[in-house]
Amino acid sequence: MKKAKKLIIVHAGVVLVFVAYYALLYLLDATCLIREITSHPCPTCGMTRAFLSLLRFDLEGYFYYNPATIACVVAILLGAHKKLISGRVSSRVVDYSIIALTLGILTVYIVRLMASGLPQ
């Protein structure tokens, strides 16, 4: 029961961080803080729209907005639930999976930057 409470608190904290971030974006009338500051997109730009496209089974929209969305969600879930998973899967496998997913996300980001003509 103690683990369940801790897990609920962690999830509630993550949800609150996302709500606070989106509230800040709304108040600043911005779509991305990094884009507002640097005028360049961040690696997660378009992930919300990509995820919503995926929920509508719009694969073209998903790949257009950000094809690294699923990898990012899986990496976050693996990192957040590492202790829960480690009883069934080696901790090293989880770590390598997170590293591989992160490298995939960064690769997609770099390719998207190069395709848009932005300086590397």
PDB file of N, CA and C in Angstrom:
ATOM      1  N   MET A   1       0.817  -1.193   0.000  1.00  0.00           N
ATOM      2  CA  MET A   1       0.000   0.000   0.000  1.00  0.00           C
ATOM      3  C   MET A   1       0.859   1.255   0.000  1.00  0.00           C
ATOM      4  N   LYS A   2       1.993   1.198   0.694  1.00  0.00           N
ATOM      5  CA  LYS A   2       2.886   2.343   0.758  1.00  0.00           C
ATOM      6  C   LYS A   2       3.460   2.663  -0.623  1.00  0.00           C
ATOM      7  N   LYS A   3       3.785   1.618  -1.396  1.00  0.00           N
ATOM      8  CA  LYS A   3       4.297   1.822  -2.746  1.00  0.00           C
ATOM      9  C   LYS A   3       3.247   2.467  -3.633  1.00  0.00           C
ATOM     10  N   ALA A   4       2.006   2.050  -3.489  1.00  0.00           N
ATOM     11  CA  ALA A   4       0.924   2.602  -4.307  1.00  0.00           C
ATOM     12  C   ALA A   4       0.749   4.087  -4.025  1.00  0.00           C
ATOM     13  N   LYS A   5       0.803   4.475  -2.760  1.00  0.00           N
ATOM     14  CA  LYS A   5       0.673   5.899  -2.417  1.00  0.00           C
ATOM     15  C   LYS A   5       1.815   6.713  -3.015  1.00  0.00           C
ATOM     16  N   LYS A   6       3.027   6.174  -2.916  1.00  0.00           N
ATOM     17  CA  LYS A   6       4.187   6.864  -3.458  1.00  0.00           C
ATOM     18  C   LYS A   6       4.066   7.001  -4.976  1.00  0.00           C
ATOM     19  N   LEU A   7       3.605   5.945  -5.620  1.00  0.00           N
ATOM     20  CA  LEU A   7       3.427   5.971  -7.069  1.00  0.00           C
ATOM     21  C   LEU A   7       2.372   6.989  -7.483  1.00  0.00           C
ATOM     22  N   ILE A   8       1.302   7.080  -6.737  1.00  0.00           N
ATOM     23  CA  ILE A   8       0.249   8.050  -7.016  1.00  0.00           C
ATOM     24  C   ILE A   8       0.783   9.472  -6.839  1.00  0.00           C
ATOM     25  N   ILE A   9       1.569   9.694  -5.798  1.00  0.00           N
ATOM     26  CA  ILE A   9       2.135  11.015  -5.546  1.00  0.00           C
ATOM     27  C   ILE A   9       3.093  11.417  -6.671  1.00  0.00           C
ATOM     28  N   VAL A  10       3.922  10.473  -7.118  1.00  0.00           N
ATOM     29  CA  VAL A  10       4.855  10.762  -8.213  1.00  0.00           C
ATOM     30  C   VAL A  10       4.091  11.109  -9.487  1.00  0.00           C
ATOM     31  N   HIS A  11       3.070  10.325  -9.807  1.00  0.00           N
ATOM     32  CA  HIS A  11       2.286  10.598 -11.005  1.00  0.00           C
ATOM     33  C   HIS A  11       1.550  11.937 -10.895  1.00  0.00           C
ATOM     34  N   ALA A  12       1.018  12.229  -9.744  1.00  0.00           N
ATOM     35  CA  ALA A  12       0.333  13.510  -9.544  1.00  0.00           C
ATOM     36  C   ALA A  12       1.320  14.666  -9.706  1.00  0.00           C
ATOM     37  N   GLY A  13       2.536  14.487  -9.224  1.00  0.00           N
ATOM     38  CA  GLY A  13       3.566  15.513  -9.384  1.00  0.00           C
ATOM     39  C   GLY A  13       3.908  15.749 -10.851  1.00  0.00           C
ATOM     40  N   VAL A  14       4.030  14.676 -11.621  1.00  0.00           N
ATOM     41  CA  VAL A  14       4.318  14.800 -13.052  1.00  0.00           C
ATOM     42  C   VAL A  14       3.182  15.527 -13.753  1.00  0.00           C
ATOM     43  N   VAL A  15       1.951  15.167 -13.437  1.00  0.00           N
ATOM     44  CA  VAL A  15       0.794  15.827 -14.045  1.00  0.00           C
ATOM     45  C   VAL A  15       0.788  17.309 -13.683  1.00  0.00           C
ATOM     46  N   LEU A  16       1.096  17.636 -12.425  1.00  0.00           N
ATOM     47  CA  LEU A  16       1.131  19.039 -12.014  1.00  0.00           C
ATOM     48  C   LEU A  16       2.208  19.832 -12.748  1.00  0.00           C
ATOM     49  N   VAL A  17       3.357  19.212 -12.988  1.00  0.00           N
ATOM     50  CA  VAL A  17       4.423  19.888 -13.732  1.00  0.00           C
ATOM     51  C   VAL A  17       3.949  20.200 -15.150  1.00  0.00           C
ATOM     52  N   PHE A  18       3.312  19.224 -15.799  1.00  0.00           N
ATOM     53  CA  PHE A  18       2.805  19.457 -17.151  1.00  0.00           C
ATOM     54  C   PHE A  18       1.720  20.533 -17.165  1.00  0.00           C
ATOM     55  N   VAL A  19       0.834  20.507 -16.190  1.00  0.00           N
ATOM     56  CA  VAL A  19      -0.227  21.522 -16.118  1.00  0.00           C
ATOM     57  C   VAL A  19       0.383  22.906 -15.905  1.00  0.00           C
ATOM     58  N   ALA A  20       1.378  23.001 -15.016  1.00  0.00           N
ATOM     59  CA  ALA A  20       2.029  24.290 -14.771  1.00  0.00           C
ATOM     60  C   ALA A  20       2.743  24.787 -16.025  1.00  0.00           C
ATOM     61  N   TYR A  21       3.401  23.876 -16.735  1.00  0.00           N
ATOM     62  CA  TYR A  21       4.101  24.252 -17.967  1.00  0.00           C
ATOM     63  C   TYR A  21       3.123  24.772 -19.008  1.00  0.00           C
ATOM     64  N   TYR A  22       2.022  24.063 -19.212  1.00  0.00           N
ATOM     65  CA  TYR A  22       1.047  24.509 -20.201  1.00  0.00           C
ATOM     66  C   TYR A  22       0.331  25.785 -19.762  1.00  0.00           C
ATOM     67  N   ALA A  23       0.147  25.968 -18.471  1.00  0.00           N
ATOM     68  CA  ALA A  23      -0.428  27.222 -17.980  1.00  0.00           C
ATOM     69  C   ALA A  23       0.523  28.381 -18.261  1.00  0.00           C
ATOM     70  N   LEU A  24       1.812  28.165 -18.054  1.00  0.00           N
ATOM     71  CA  LEU A  24       2.810  29.191 -18.352  1.00  0.00           C
ATOM     72  C   LEU A  24       2.825  29.522 -19.846  1.00  0.00           C
ATOM     73  N   LEU A  25       2.764  28.490 -20.681  1.00  0.00           N
ATOM     74  CA  LEU A  25       2.707  28.723 -22.125  1.00  0.00           C
ATOM     75  C   LEU A  25       1.475  29.545 -22.492  1.00  0.00           C
ATOM     76  N   TYR A  26       0.353  29.217 -21.869  1.00  0.00           N
ATOM     77  CA  TYR A  26      -0.892  29.934 -22.144  1.00  0.00           C
ATOM     78  C   TYR A  26      -0.770  31.402 -21.723  1.00  0.00           C
ATOM     79  N   LEU A  27      -0.205  31.631 -20.539  1.00  0.00           N
ATOM     80  CA  LEU A  27      -0.051  33.000 -20.044  1.00  0.00           C
ATOM     81  C   LEU A  27       0.892  33.830 -20.916  1.00  0.00           C
ATOM     82  N   LEU A  28       1.918  33.181 -21.452  1.00  0.00           N
ATOM     83  CA  LEU A  28       2.881  33.879 -22.297  1.00  0.00           C
ATOM     84  C   LEU A  28       2.453  33.901 -23.757  1.00  0.00           C
ATOM     85  N   ASP A  29       1.326  33.275 -24.058  1.00  0.00           N
ATOM     86  CA  ASP A  29       0.825  33.158 -25.426  1.00  0.00           C
ATOM     87  C   ASP A  29       1.910  32.590 -26.340  1.00  0.00           C
ATOM     88  N   ALA A  30       2.512  31.490 -25.886  1.00  0.00           N
ATOM     89  CA  ALA A  30       3.602  30.850 -26.617  1.00  0.00           C
ATOM     90  C   ALA A  30       3.253  29.381 -26.861  1.00  0.00           C
ATOM     91  N   THR A  31       3.927  28.786 -27.829  1.00  0.00           N
ATOM     92  CA  THR A  31       3.747  27.356 -28.056  1.00  0.00           C
ATOM     93  C   THR A  31       4.904  26.552 -27.479  1.00  0.00           C
ATOM     94  N   CYS A  32       6.068  27.174 -27.341  1.00  0.00           N
ATOM     95  CA  CYS A  32       7.238  26.494 -26.799  1.00  0.00           C
ATOM     96  C   CYS A  32       8.169  27.549 -26.203  1.00  0.00           C
ATOM     97  N   LEU A  33       8.571  27.362 -24.960  1.00  0.00           N
ATOM     98  CA  LEU A  33       9.454  28.348 -24.315  1.00  0.00           C
ATOM     99  C   LEU A  33      10.821  28.406 -24.978  1.00  0.00           C
ATOM    100  N   ILE A  34      11.340  27.262 -25.364  1.00  0.00           N
ATOM    101  CA  ILE A  34      12.658  27.243 -26.007  1.00  0.00           C
ATOM    102  C   ILE A  34      12.597  27.959 -27.347  1.00  0.00           C
ATOM    103  N   ARG A  35      11.524  27.718 -28.103  1.00  0.00           N
ATOM    104  CA  ARG A  35      11.371  28.398 -29.392  1.00  0.00           C
ATOM    105  C   ARG A  35      11.202  29.904 -29.187  1.00  0.00           C
ATOM    106  N   GLU A  36      10.494  30.293 -28.136  1.00  0.00           N
ATOM    107  CA  GLU A  36      10.318  31.718 -27.841  1.00  0.00           C
ATOM    108  C   GLU A  36      11.657  32.386 -27.529  1.00  0.00           C
ATOM    109  N   ILE A  37      12.515  31.684 -26.793  1.00  0.00           N
ATOM    110  CA  ILE A  37      13.783  32.265 -26.357  1.00  0.00           C
ATOM    111  C   ILE A  37      14.840  32.212 -27.461  1.00  0.00           C
ATOM    112  N   THR A  38      14.955  31.069 -28.151  1.00  0.00           N
ATOM    113  CA  THR A  38      16.041  30.879 -29.118  1.00  0.00           C
ATOM    114  C   THR A  38      15.617  31.017 -30.576  1.00  0.00           C
ATOM    115  N   SER A  39      14.330  31.013 -30.832  1.00  0.00           N
ATOM    116  CA  SER A  39      13.733  31.000 -32.179  1.00  0.00           C
ATOM    117  C   SER A  39      14.032  29.716 -32.949  1.00  0.00           C
ATOM    118  N   HIS A  40      14.487  28.701 -32.240  1.00  0.00           N
ATOM    119  CA  HIS A  40      14.690  27.372 -32.827  1.00  0.00           C
ATOM    120  C   HIS A  40      13.802  26.376 -32.076  1.00  0.00           C
ATOM    121  N   PRO A  41      13.269  25.373 -32.765  1.00  0.00           N
ATOM    122  CA  PRO A  41      12.423  24.396 -32.075  1.00  0.00           C
ATOM    123  C   PRO A  41      13.243  23.509 -31.138  1.00  0.00           C
ATOM    124  N   CYS A  42      12.577  22.996 -30.124  1.00  0.00           N
ATOM    125  CA  CYS A  42      13.232  22.069 -29.203  1.00  0.00           C
ATOM    126  C   CYS A  42      12.963  20.630 -29.673  1.00  0.00           C
ATOM    127  N   PRO A  43      13.638  19.639 -29.101  1.00  0.00           N
ATOM    128  CA  PRO A  43      13.410  18.250 -29.526  1.00  0.00           C
ATOM    129  C   PRO A  43      11.972  17.774 -29.316  1.00  0.00           C
ATOM    130  N   THR A  44      11.238  18.395 -28.409  1.00  0.00           N
ATOM    131  CA  THR A  44       9.871  17.948 -28.152  1.00  0.00           C
ATOM    132  C   THR A  44       8.812  18.791 -28.856  1.00  0.00           C
ATOM    133  N   CYS A  45       9.230  19.761 -29.653  1.00  0.00           N
ATOM    134  CA  CYS A  45       8.251  20.571 -30.380  1.00  0.00           C
ATOM    135  C   CYS A  45       7.399  19.686 -31.282  1.00  0.00           C
ATOM    136  N   GLY A  46       6.112  19.858 -31.177  1.00  0.00           N
ATOM    137  CA  GLY A  46       5.174  19.109 -32.000  1.00  0.00           C
ATOM    138  C   GLY A  46       4.701  17.803 -31.389  1.00  0.00           C
ATOM    139  N   MET A  47       5.229  17.421 -30.222  1.00  0.00           N
ATOM    140  CA  MET A  47       4.865  16.128 -29.646  1.00  0.00           C
ATOM    141  C   MET A  47       3.403  16.064 -29.206  1.00  0.00           C
ATOM    142  N   THR A  48       2.870  17.147 -28.694  1.00  0.00           N
ATOM    143  CA  THR A  48       1.464  17.135 -28.293  1.00  0.00           C
ATOM    144  C   THR A  48       0.577  16.929 -29.510  1.00  0.00           C
ATOM    145  N   ARG A  49       0.842  17.672 -30.571  1.00  0.00           N
ATOM    146  CA  ARG A  49       0.049  17.521 -31.801  1.00  0.00           C
ATOM    147  C   ARG A  49       0.265  16.152 -32.421  1.00  0.00           C
ATOM    148  N   ALA A  50       1.494  15.631 -32.353  1.00  0.00           N
ATOM    149  CA  ALA A  50       1.768  14.294 -32.894  1.00  0.00           C
ATOM    150  C   ALA A  50       0.997  13.237 -32.111  1.00  0.00           C
ATOM    151  N   PHE A  51       0.989  13.358 -30.787  1.00  0.00           N
ATOM    152  CA  PHE A  51       0.268  12.392 -29.950  1.00  0.00           C
ATOM    153  C   PHE A  51      -1.234  12.453 -30.240  1.00  0.00           C
ATOM    154  N   LEU A  52      -1.772  13.663 -30.382  1.00  0.00           N
ATOM    155  CA  LEU A  52      -3.200  13.798 -30.703  1.00  0.00           C
ATOM    156  C   LEU A  52      -3.505  13.229 -32.089  1.00  0.00           C
ATOM    157  N   SER A  53      -2.596  13.413 -33.035  1.00  0.00           N
ATOM    158  CA  SER A  53      -2.773  12.828 -34.365  1.00  0.00           C
ATOM    159  C   SER A  53      -2.776  11.307 -34.283  1.00  0.00           C
ATOM    160  N   LEU A  54      -1.896  10.771 -33.458  1.00  0.00           N
ATOM    161  CA  LEU A  54      -1.836   9.321 -33.290  1.00  0.00           C
ATOM    162  C   LEU A  54      -3.125   8.783 -32.674  1.00  0.00           C
ATOM    163  N   LEU A  55      -3.701   9.515 -31.737  1.00  0.00           N
ATOM    164  CA  LEU A  55      -4.965   9.096 -31.140  1.00  0.00           C
ATOM    165  C   LEU A  55      -6.098   9.090 -32.163  1.00  0.00           C
ATOM    166  N   ARG A  56      -5.988   9.920 -33.203  1.00  0.00           N
ATOM    167  CA  ARG A  56      -6.989   9.958 -34.271  1.00  0.00           C
ATOM    168  C   ARG A  56      -6.619   9.018 -35.415  1.00  0.00           C
ATOM    169  N   PHE A  57      -5.559   8.225 -35.233  1.00  0.00           N
ATOM    170  CA  PHE A  57      -5.049   7.309 -36.255  1.00  0.00           C
ATOM    171  C   PHE A  57      -4.604   8.049 -37.514  1.00  0.00           C
ATOM    172  N   ASP A  58      -4.151   9.289 -37.351  1.00  0.00           N
ATOM    173  CA  ASP A  58      -3.635  10.106 -38.443  1.00  0.00           C
ATOM    174  C   ASP A  58      -2.113   9.961 -38.455  1.00  0.00           C
ATOM    175  N   LEU A  59      -1.624   8.895 -39.102  1.00  0.00           N
ATOM    176  CA  LEU A  59      -0.188   8.627 -39.099  1.00  0.00           C
ATOM    177  C   LEU A  59       0.601   9.682 -39.863  1.00  0.00           C
ATOM    178  N   GLU A  60       0.021  10.231 -40.917  1.00  0.00           N
ATOM    179  CA  GLU A  60       0.699  11.280 -41.662  1.00  0.00           C
ATOM    180  C   GLU A  60       0.942  12.505 -40.772  1.00  0.00           C
ATOM    181  N   GLY A  61      -0.077  12.890 -40.007  1.00  0.00           N
ATOM    182  CA  GLY A  61       0.069  14.006 -39.078  1.00  0.00           C
ATOM    183  C   GLY A  61       1.072  13.696 -37.984  1.00  0.00           C
ATOM    184  N   TYR A  62       1.036  12.449 -37.487  1.00  0.00           N
ATOM    185  CA  TYR A  62       1.985  12.030 -36.444  1.00  0.00           C
ATOM    186  C   TYR A  62       3.411  12.210 -36.925  1.00  0.00           C
ATOM    187  N   PHE A  63       3.738  11.686 -38.101  1.00  0.00           N
ATOM    188  CA  PHE A  63       5.104  11.783 -38.604  1.00  0.00           C
ATOM    189  C   PHE A  63       5.464  13.210 -39.001  1.00  0.00           C
ATOM    190  N   TYR A  64       4.489  14.004 -39.382  1.00  0.00           N
ATOM    191  CA  TYR A  64       4.752  15.397 -39.730  1.00  0.00           C
ATOM    192  C   TYR A  64       5.117  16.206 -38.484  1.00  0.00           C
ATOM    193  N   TYR A  65       4.357  16.053 -37.415  1.00  0.00           N
ATOM    194  CA  TYR A  65       4.579  16.880 -36.227  1.00  0.00           C
ATOM    195  C   TYR A  65       5.825  16.476 -35.452  1.00  0.00           C
ATOM    196  N   ASN A  66       5.970  15.214 -35.104  1.00  0.00           N
ATOM    197  CA  ASN A  66       7.184  14.749 -34.428  1.00  0.00           C
ATOM    198  C   ASN A  66       7.151  13.232 -34.305  1.00  0.00           C
ATOM    199  N   PRO A  67       7.904  12.528 -35.152  1.00  0.00           N
ATOM    200  CA  PRO A  67       7.886  11.066 -35.134  1.00  0.00           C
ATOM    201  C   PRO A  67       8.596  10.442 -33.926  1.00  0.00           C
ATOM    202  N   ALA A  68       9.200  11.250 -33.080  1.00  0.00           N
ATOM    203  CA  ALA A  68       9.892  10.723 -31.904  1.00  0.00           C
ATOM    204  C   ALA A  68       8.995  10.695 -30.665  1.00  0.00           C
ATOM    205  N   THR A  69       7.725  10.980 -30.825  1.00  0.00           N
ATOM    206  CA  THR A  69       6.816  11.084 -29.682  1.00  0.00           C
ATOM    207  C   THR A  69       6.714   9.779 -28.904  1.00  0.00           C
ATOM    208  N   ILE A  70       6.506   8.683 -29.591  1.00  0.00           N
ATOM    209  CA  ILE A  70       6.360   7.395 -28.899  1.00  0.00           C
ATOM    210  C   ILE A  70       7.644   7.053 -28.159  1.00  0.00           C
ATOM    211  N   ALA A  71       8.799   7.273 -28.795  1.00  0.00           N
ATOM    212  CA  ALA A  71      10.082   6.994 -28.141  1.00  0.00           C
ATOM    213  C   ALA A  71      10.240   7.832 -26.881  1.00  0.00           C
ATOM    214  N   CYS A  72       9.825   9.082 -26.926  1.00  0.00           N
ATOM    215  CA  CYS A  72       9.929   9.962 -25.764  1.00  0.00           C
ATOM    216  C   CYS A  72       9.018   9.490 -24.631  1.00  0.00           C
ATOM    217  N   VAL A  73       7.798   9.132 -24.969  1.00  0.00           N
ATOM    218  CA  VAL A  73       6.856   8.648 -23.946  1.00  0.00           C
ATOM    219  C   VAL A  73       7.376   7.361 -23.312  1.00  0.00           C
ATOM    220  N   VAL A  74       7.883   6.447 -24.131  1.00  0.00           N
ATOM    221  CA  VAL A  74       8.412   5.183 -23.600  1.00  0.00           C
ATOM    222  C   VAL A  74       9.627   5.441 -22.709  1.00  0.00           C
ATOM    223  N   ALA A  75      10.526   6.340 -23.125  1.00  0.00           N
ATOM    224  CA  ALA A  75      11.708   6.648 -22.311  1.00  0.00           C
ATOM    225  C   ALA A  75      11.305   7.245 -20.965  1.00  0.00           C
ATOM    226  N   ILE A  76      10.324   8.133 -20.979  1.00  0.00           N
ATOM    227  CA  ILE A  76       9.862   8.738 -19.721  1.00  0.00           C
ATOM    228  C   ILE A  76       9.232   7.675 -18.816  1.00  0.00           C
ATOM    229  N   LEU A  77       8.410   6.816 -19.394  1.00  0.00           N
ATOM    230  CA  LEU A  77       7.775   5.766 -18.594  1.00  0.00           C
ATOM    231  C   LEU A  77       8.805   4.791 -18.034  1.00  0.00           C
ATOM    232  N   LEU A  78       9.788   4.416 -18.846  1.00  0.00           N
ATOM    233  CA  LEU A  78      10.836   3.517 -18.355  1.00  0.00           C
ATOM    234  C   LEU A  78      11.617   4.161 -17.211  1.00  0.00           C
ATOM    235  N   GLY A  79      11.961   5.428 -17.384  1.00  0.00           N
ATOM    236  CA  GLY A  79      12.704   6.124 -16.335  1.00  0.00           C
ATOM    237  C   GLY A  79      11.897   6.287 -15.058  1.00  0.00           C
ATOM    238  N   ALA A  80      10.613   6.591 -15.212  1.00  0.00           N
ATOM    239  CA  ALA A  80       9.760   6.814 -14.040  1.00  0.00           C
ATOM    240  C   ALA A  80       9.449   5.520 -13.301  1.00  0.00           C
ATOM    241  N   HIS A  81       9.414   4.413 -14.021  1.00  0.00           N
ATOM    242  CA  HIS A  81       9.023   3.138 -13.409  1.00  0.00           C
ATOM    243  C   HIS A  81      10.174   2.141 -13.368  1.00  0.00           C
ATOM    244  N   LYS A  82      11.383   2.651 -13.341  1.00  0.00           N
ATOM    245  CA  LYS A  82      12.561   1.785 -13.377  1.00  0.00           C
ATOM    246  C   LYS A  82      12.578   0.786 -12.219  1.00  0.00           C
ATOM    247  N   LYS A  83      12.266   1.242 -11.030  1.00  0.00           N
ATOM    248  CA  LYS A  83      12.272   0.337  -9.875  1.00  0.00           C
ATOM    249  C   LYS A  83      11.184  -0.724  -9.993  1.00  0.00           C
ATOM    250  N   LEU A  84      10.055  -0.346 -10.513  1.00  0.00           N
ATOM    251  CA  LEU A  84       8.942  -1.277 -10.690  1.00  0.00           C
ATOM    252  C   LEU A  84       9.282  -2.335 -11.737  1.00  0.00           C
ATOM    253  N   ILE A  85       9.970  -1.930 -12.790  1.00  0.00           N
ATOM    254  CA  ILE A  85      10.316  -2.838 -13.883  1.00  0.00           C
ATOM    255  C   ILE A  85      11.516  -3.711 -13.532  1.00  0.00           C
ATOM    256  N   SER A  86      12.427  -3.185 -12.713  1.00  0.00           N
ATOM    257  CA  SER A  86      13.696  -3.870 -12.454  1.00  0.00           C
ATOM    258  C   SER A  86      13.530  -5.256 -11.846  1.00  0.00           C
ATOM    259  N   GLY A  87      12.389  -5.563 -11.254  1.00  0.00           N
ATOM    260  CA  GLY A  87      12.170  -6.905 -10.738  1.00  0.00           C
ATOM    261  C   GLY A  87      11.958  -7.911 -11.849  1.00  0.00           C
ATOM    262  N   ARG A  88      11.493  -7.443 -12.996  1.00  0.00           N
ATOM    263  CA  ARG A  88      11.197  -8.332 -14.118  1.00  0.00           C
ATOM    264  C   ARG A  88      12.263  -8.281 -15.212  1.00  0.00           C
ATOM    265  N   VAL A  89      12.896  -7.125 -15.348  1.00  0.00           N
ATOM    266  CA  VAL A  89      13.897  -6.916 -16.388  1.00  0.00           C
ATOM    267  C   VAL A  89      15.145  -6.344 -15.724  1.00  0.00           C
ATOM    268  N   SER A  90      16.289  -6.700 -16.248  1.00  0.00           N
ATOM    269  CA  SER A  90      17.548  -6.197 -15.708  1.00  0.00           C
ATOM    270  C   SER A  90      17.578  -4.665 -15.748  1.00  0.00           C
ATOM    271  N   SER A  91      18.109  -4.079 -14.704  1.00  0.00           N
ATOM    272  CA  SER A  91      18.239  -2.628 -14.619  1.00  0.00           C
ATOM    273  C   SER A  91      19.111  -2.101 -15.753  1.00  0.00           C
ATOM    274  N   ARG A  92      20.098  -2.878 -16.132  1.00  0.00           N
ATOM    275  CA  ARG A  92      20.995  -2.485 -17.222  1.00  0.00           C
ATOM    276  C   ARG A  92      20.235  -2.419 -18.556  1.00  0.00           C
ATOM    277  N   VAL A  93      19.322  -3.351 -18.773  1.00  0.00           N
ATOM    278  CA  VAL A  93      18.507  -3.349 -20.001  1.00  0.00           C
ATOM    279  C   VAL A  93      17.650  -2.085 -20.049  1.00  0.00           C
ATOM    280  N   VAL A  94      17.081  -1.719 -18.913  1.00  0.00           N
ATOM    281  CA  VAL A  94      16.262  -0.505 -18.852  1.00  0.00           C
ATOM    282  C   VAL A  94      17.122   0.720 -19.145  1.00  0.00           C
ATOM    283  N   ASP A  95      18.304   0.785 -18.556  1.00  0.00           N
ATOM    284  CA  ASP A  95      19.206   1.920 -18.795  1.00  0.00           C
ATOM    285  C   ASP A  95      19.595   2.021 -20.267  1.00  0.00           C
ATOM    286  N   TYR A  96      19.978   0.901 -20.872  1.00  0.00           N
ATOM    287  CA  TYR A  96      20.356   0.899 -22.285  1.00  0.00           C
ATOM    288  C   TYR A  96      19.176   1.262 -23.179  1.00  0.00           C
ATOM    289  N   SER A  97      17.998   0.838 -22.795  1.00  0.00           N
ATOM    290  CA  SER A  97      16.801   1.181 -23.570  1.00  0.00           C
ATOM    291  C   SER A  97      16.551   2.685 -23.531  1.00  0.00           C
ATOM    292  N   ILE A  98      16.676   3.280 -22.354  1.00  0.00           N
ATOM    293  CA  ILE A  98      16.493   4.727 -22.223  1.00  0.00           C
ATOM    294  C   ILE A  98      17.544   5.476 -23.035  1.00  0.00           C
ATOM    295  N   ILE A  99      18.782   5.018 -22.999  1.00  0.00           N
ATOM    296  CA  ILE A  99      19.855   5.650 -23.773  1.00  0.00           C
ATOM    297  C   ILE A  99      19.567   5.541 -25.267  1.00  0.00           C
ATOM    298  N   ALA A 100      19.163   4.358 -25.721  1.00  0.00           N
ATOM    299  CA  ALA A 100      18.866   4.152 -27.144  1.00  0.00           C
ATOM    300  C   ALA A 100      17.694   5.033 -27.589  1.00  0.00           C
ATOM    301  N   LEU A 101      16.657   5.107 -26.769  1.00  0.00           N
ATOM    302  CA  LEU A 101      15.506   5.946 -27.109  1.00  0.00           C
ATOM    303  C   LEU A 101      15.904   7.415 -27.164  1.00  0.00           C
ATOM    304  N   THR A 102      16.719   7.851 -26.214  1.00  0.00           N
ATOM    305  CA  THR A 102      17.177   9.237 -26.190  1.00  0.00           C
ATOM    306  C   THR A 102      18.025   9.556 -27.423  1.00  0.00           C
ATOM    307  N   LEU A 103      18.894   8.643 -27.812  1.00  0.00           N
ATOM    308  CA  LEU A 103      19.685   8.854 -29.021  1.00  0.00           C
ATOM    309  C   LEU A 103      18.796   8.916 -30.260  1.00  0.00           C
ATOM    310  N   GLY A 104      17.752   8.094 -30.288  1.00  0.00           N
ATOM    311  CA  GLY A 104      16.797   8.139 -31.394  1.00  0.00           C
ATOM    312  C   GLY A 104      16.077   9.476 -31.452  1.00  0.00           C
ATOM    313  N   ILE A 105      15.669   9.978 -30.301  1.00  0.00           N
ATOM    314  CA  ILE A 105      14.982  11.273 -30.236  1.00  0.00           C
ATOM    315  C   ILE A 105      15.910  12.385 -30.721  1.00  0.00           C
ATOM    316  N   LEU A 106      17.159  12.367 -30.273  1.00  0.00           N
ATOM    317  CA  LEU A 106      18.114  13.388 -30.707  1.00  0.00           C
ATOM    318  C   LEU A 106      18.424  13.280 -32.196  1.00  0.00           C
ATOM    319  N   THR A 107      18.472  12.060 -32.720  1.00  0.00           N
ATOM    320  CA  THR A 107      18.697  11.867 -34.150  1.00  0.00           C
ATOM    321  C   THR A 107      17.556  12.470 -34.960  1.00  0.00           C
ATOM    322  N   VAL A 108      16.323  12.198 -34.544  1.00  0.00           N
ATOM    323  CA  VAL A 108      15.162  12.784 -35.228  1.00  0.00           C
ATOM    324  C   VAL A 108      15.226  14.301 -35.152  1.00  0.00           C
ATOM    325  N   TYR A 109      15.604  14.833 -34.008  1.00  0.00           N
ATOM    326  CA  TYR A 109      15.710  16.287 -33.834  1.00  0.00           C
ATOM    327  C   TYR A 109      16.737  16.889 -34.790  1.00  0.00           C
ATOM    328  N   ILE A 110      17.907  16.284 -34.867  1.00  0.00           N
ATOM    329  CA  ILE A 110      18.966  16.798 -35.742  1.00  0.00           C
ATOM    330  C   ILE A 110      18.540  16.718 -37.209  1.00  0.00           C
ATOM    331  N   VAL A 111      17.925  15.607 -37.592  1.00  0.00           N
ATOM    332  CA  VAL A 111      17.457  15.468 -38.979  1.00  0.00           C
ATOM    333  C   VAL A 111      16.407  16.533 -39.293  1.00  0.00           C
ATOM    334  N   ARG A 112      15.493  16.776 -38.356  1.00  0.00           N
ATOM    335  CA  ARG A 112      14.462  17.792 -38.576  1.00  0.00           C
ATOM    336  C   ARG A 112      15.085  19.193 -38.671  1.00  0.00           C
ATOM    337  N   LEU A 113      16.098  19.469 -37.867  1.00  0.00           N
ATOM    338  CA  LEU A 113      16.778  20.770 -37.955  1.00  0.00           C
ATOM    339  C   LEU A 113      17.470  20.938 -39.300  1.00  0.00           C
ATOM    340  N   MET A 114      18.143  19.883 -39.740  1.00  0.00           N
ATOM    341  CA  MET A 114      18.848  19.954 -41.016  1.00  0.00           C
ATOM    342  C   MET A 114      17.847  20.094 -42.172  1.00  0.00           C
ATOM    343  N   ALA A 115      16.727  19.414 -42.089  1.00  0.00           N
ATOM    344  CA  ALA A 115      15.725  19.475 -43.165  1.00  0.00           C
ATOM    345  C   ALA A 115      15.064  20.853 -43.235  1.00  0.00           C
ATOM    346  N   SER A 116      14.970  21.524 -42.095  1.00  0.00           N
ATOM    347  CA  SER A 116      14.323  22.845 -42.091  1.00  0.00           C
ATOM    348  C   SER A 116      15.298  23.958 -42.465  1.00  0.00           C
ATOM    349  N   GLY A 117      16.552  23.625 -42.643  1.00  0.00           N
ATOM    350  CA  GLY A 117      17.523  24.620 -43.073  1.00  0.00           C
ATOM    351  C   GLY A 117      18.091  25.448 -41.940  1.00  0.00           C
ATOM    352  N   LEU A 118      17.863  25.054 -40.703  1.00  0.00           N
ATOM    353  CA  LEU A 118      18.407  25.803 -39.569  1.00  0.00           C
ATOM    354  C   LEU A 118      19.881  25.472 -39.408  1.00  0.00           C
ATOM    355  N   PRO A 119      20.668  26.406 -38.917  1.00  0.00           N
ATOM    356  CA  PRO A 119      22.094  26.114 -38.698  1.00  0.00           C
ATOM    357  C   PRO A 119      22.251  25.078 -37.604  1.00  0.00           C
ATOM    358  N   GLN A 120      23.228  24.188 -37.792  1.00  0.00           N
ATOM    359  CA  GLN A 120      23.430  23.122 -36.817  1.00  0.00           C
ATOM    360  C   GLN A 120      24.250  23.622 -35.689  1.00  0.00           C
TER     361      GLN A 120
END
